């Protein structure tokens, strides 16, 4: 049964704690992307645009899962900001 668990996952509370204020989780379920070796969840920003939040397993192994989530959110927020320039 433990083999059915994804290599990396986050609870809804963990995800909501790290995404910026005004953002929300999409209704689509978070999932492990085996092809990319990453945890993937769709988030919606304050402008109702959806974005893929991707947390690589290698980064979680190196920095810890919560720090990897924080870094992924920071990267996504910078990517989103650059898209409006």
C-alpha atoms as a PDB file:
ATOM      1  CA  UNK A   1       0.000   0.000   0.000  1.00  0.00           C
ATOM      2  CA  UNK A   2       2.860   2.439   0.717  1.00  0.00           C
ATOM      3  CA  UNK A   3       3.989   1.895  -2.875  1.00  0.00           C
ATOM      4  CA  UNK A   4       0.817   3.699  -4.010  1.00  0.00           C
ATOM      5  CA  UNK A   5       1.911   6.963  -2.389  1.00  0.00           C
ATOM      6  CA  UNK A   6       3.527   9.585  -4.626  1.00  0.00           C
ATOM      7  CA  UNK A   7       7.190  10.401  -3.911  1.00  0.00           C
ATOM      8  CA  UNK A   8       6.252  13.989  -3.015  1.00  0.00           C
ATOM      9  CA  UNK A   9       2.947  15.488  -1.907  1.00  0.00           C
ATOM     10  CA  UNK A  10       1.526  18.382   0.084  1.00  0.00           C
ATOM     11  CA  UNK A  11      -1.656  18.891   2.058  1.00  0.00           C
ATOM     12  CA  UNK A  12      -4.170  21.548   1.086  1.00  0.00           C
ATOM     13  CA  UNK A  13      -3.264  23.497   4.231  1.00  0.00           C
ATOM     14  CA  UNK A  14       0.446  23.451   3.347  1.00  0.00           C
ATOM     15  CA  UNK A  15      -0.248  24.670  -0.177  1.00  0.00           C
ATOM     16  CA  UNK A  16      -2.658  27.399   0.912  1.00  0.00           C
ATOM     17  CA  UNK A  17      -0.159  28.565   3.538  1.00  0.00           C
ATOM     18  CA  UNK A  18       2.514  29.270   0.929  1.00  0.00           C
ATOM     19  CA  UNK A  19       0.628  30.668  -2.061  1.00  0.00           C
ATOM     20  CA  UNK A  20       0.258  34.469  -1.987  1.00  0.00           C
ATOM     21  CA  UNK A  21      -2.779  36.173  -0.498  1.00  0.00           C
ATOM     22  CA  UNK A  22      -5.572  36.379  -3.059  1.00  0.00           C
ATOM     23  CA  UNK A  23      -4.482  33.179  -4.811  1.00  0.00           C
ATOM     24  CA  UNK A  24      -6.359  29.902  -4.537  1.00  0.00           C
ATOM     25  CA  UNK A  25      -6.033  26.277  -5.502  1.00  0.00           C
ATOM     26  CA  UNK A  26      -7.842  25.228  -8.666  1.00  0.00           C
ATOM     27  CA  UNK A  27     -10.470  22.528  -8.412  1.00  0.00           C
ATOM     28  CA  UNK A  28      -8.156  20.187 -10.314  1.00  0.00           C
ATOM     29  CA  UNK A  29      -6.498  17.749  -7.907  1.00  0.00           C
ATOM     30  CA  UNK A  30      -2.757  18.096  -7.254  1.00  0.00           C
ATOM     31  CA  UNK A  31      -0.781  15.252  -8.784  1.00  0.00           C
ATOM     32  CA  UNK A  32       2.622  13.650  -9.032  1.00  0.00           C
ATOM     33  CA  UNK A  33       4.093  14.089 -12.523  1.00  0.00           C
ATOM     34  CA  UNK A  34       6.346  11.036 -12.943  1.00  0.00           C
ATOM     35  CA  UNK A  35       7.601  12.220 -16.318  1.00  0.00           C
ATOM     36  CA  UNK A  36       9.004  15.438 -14.824  1.00  0.00           C
ATOM     37  CA  UNK A  37       9.758  14.002 -11.384  1.00  0.00           C
ATOM     38  CA  UNK A  38       7.761  16.750  -9.719  1.00  0.00           C
ATOM     39  CA  UNK A  39       4.644  17.530  -7.718  1.00  0.00           C
ATOM     40  CA  UNK A  40       2.242  19.655  -9.762  1.00  0.00           C
ATOM     41  CA  UNK A  41      -0.786  21.687  -8.709  1.00  0.00           C
ATOM     42  CA  UNK A  42      -2.752  24.341 -10.578  1.00  0.00           C
ATOM     43  CA  UNK A  43      -3.233  27.645  -8.737  1.00  0.00           C
ATOM     44  CA  UNK A  44      -5.327  30.687  -9.618  1.00  0.00           C
ATOM     45  CA  UNK A  45      -3.928  34.153  -9.026  1.00  0.00           C
ATOM     46  CA  UNK A  46      -5.851  37.258  -7.999  1.00  0.00           C
ATOM     47  CA  UNK A  47      -6.518  38.065 -11.675  1.00  0.00           C
ATOM     48  CA  UNK A  48      -8.230  34.686 -12.198  1.00  0.00           C
ATOM     49  CA  UNK A  49      -5.350  33.403 -14.334  1.00  0.00           C
ATOM     50  CA  UNK A  50      -4.286  29.821 -13.732  1.00  0.00           C
ATOM     51  CA  UNK A  51      -0.673  28.762 -13.276  1.00  0.00           C
ATOM     52  CA  UNK A  52       1.120  25.457 -12.749  1.00  0.00           C
ATOM     53  CA  UNK A  53       2.994  25.312  -9.462  1.00  0.00           C
ATOM     54  CA  UNK A  54       5.721  22.697  -9.904  1.00  0.00           C
ATOM     55  CA  UNK A  55       7.877  21.389  -7.047  1.00  0.00           C
ATOM     56  CA  UNK A  56      10.740  19.179  -8.295  1.00  0.00           C
ATOM     57  CA  UNK A  57      11.481  16.118  -6.149  1.00  0.00           C
ATOM     58  CA  UNK A  58      15.226  16.734  -6.507  1.00  0.00           C
ATOM     59  CA  UNK A  59      14.799  20.151  -4.914  1.00  0.00           C
ATOM     60  CA  UNK A  60      12.744  18.676  -2.069  1.00  0.00           C
ATOM     61  CA  UNK A  61      15.458  16.070  -1.504  1.00  0.00           C
ATOM     62  CA  UNK A  62      18.118  18.762  -1.391  1.00  0.00           C
ATOM     63  CA  UNK A  63      16.370  21.482   0.648  1.00  0.00           C
ATOM     64  CA  UNK A  64      13.462  19.724   2.359  1.00  0.00           C
ATOM     65  CA  UNK A  65       9.894  19.542   1.145  1.00  0.00           C
ATOM     66  CA  UNK A  66       8.600  22.766   2.731  1.00  0.00           C
ATOM     67  CA  UNK A  67      11.591  24.843   1.575  1.00  0.00           C
ATOM     68  CA  UNK A  68      11.163  23.372  -1.918  1.00  0.00           C
ATOM     69  CA  UNK A  69       7.509  24.463  -1.866  1.00  0.00           C
ATOM     70  CA  UNK A  70       8.491  27.978  -0.798  1.00  0.00           C
ATOM     71  CA  UNK A  71      11.082  28.192  -3.592  1.00  0.00           C
ATOM     72  CA  UNK A  72       8.571  26.932  -6.170  1.00  0.00           C
ATOM     73  CA  UNK A  73       6.014  29.554  -5.098  1.00  0.00           C
ATOM     74  CA  UNK A  74       8.687  32.272  -5.293  1.00  0.00           C
ATOM     75  CA  UNK A  75       9.691  31.146  -8.805  1.00  0.00           C
ATOM     76  CA  UNK A  76       6.076  31.093  -9.943  1.00  0.00           C
ATOM     77  CA  UNK A  77       5.378  34.535  -8.485  1.00  0.00           C
ATOM     78  CA  UNK A  78       8.426  35.985 -10.321  1.00  0.00           C
ATOM     79  CA  UNK A  79       7.394  34.217 -13.550  1.00  0.00           C
ATOM     80  CA  UNK A  80       3.891  35.627 -13.219  1.00  0.00           C
ATOM     81  CA  UNK A  81       5.206  39.134 -12.568  1.00  0.00           C
ATOM     82  CA  UNK A  82       7.520  38.992 -15.600  1.00  0.00           C
ATOM     83  CA  UNK A  83       4.627  37.943 -17.826  1.00  0.00           C
ATOM     84  CA  UNK A  84       2.931  41.287 -17.198  1.00  0.00           C
ATOM     85  CA  UNK A  85       5.970  43.393 -18.190  1.00  0.00           C
END
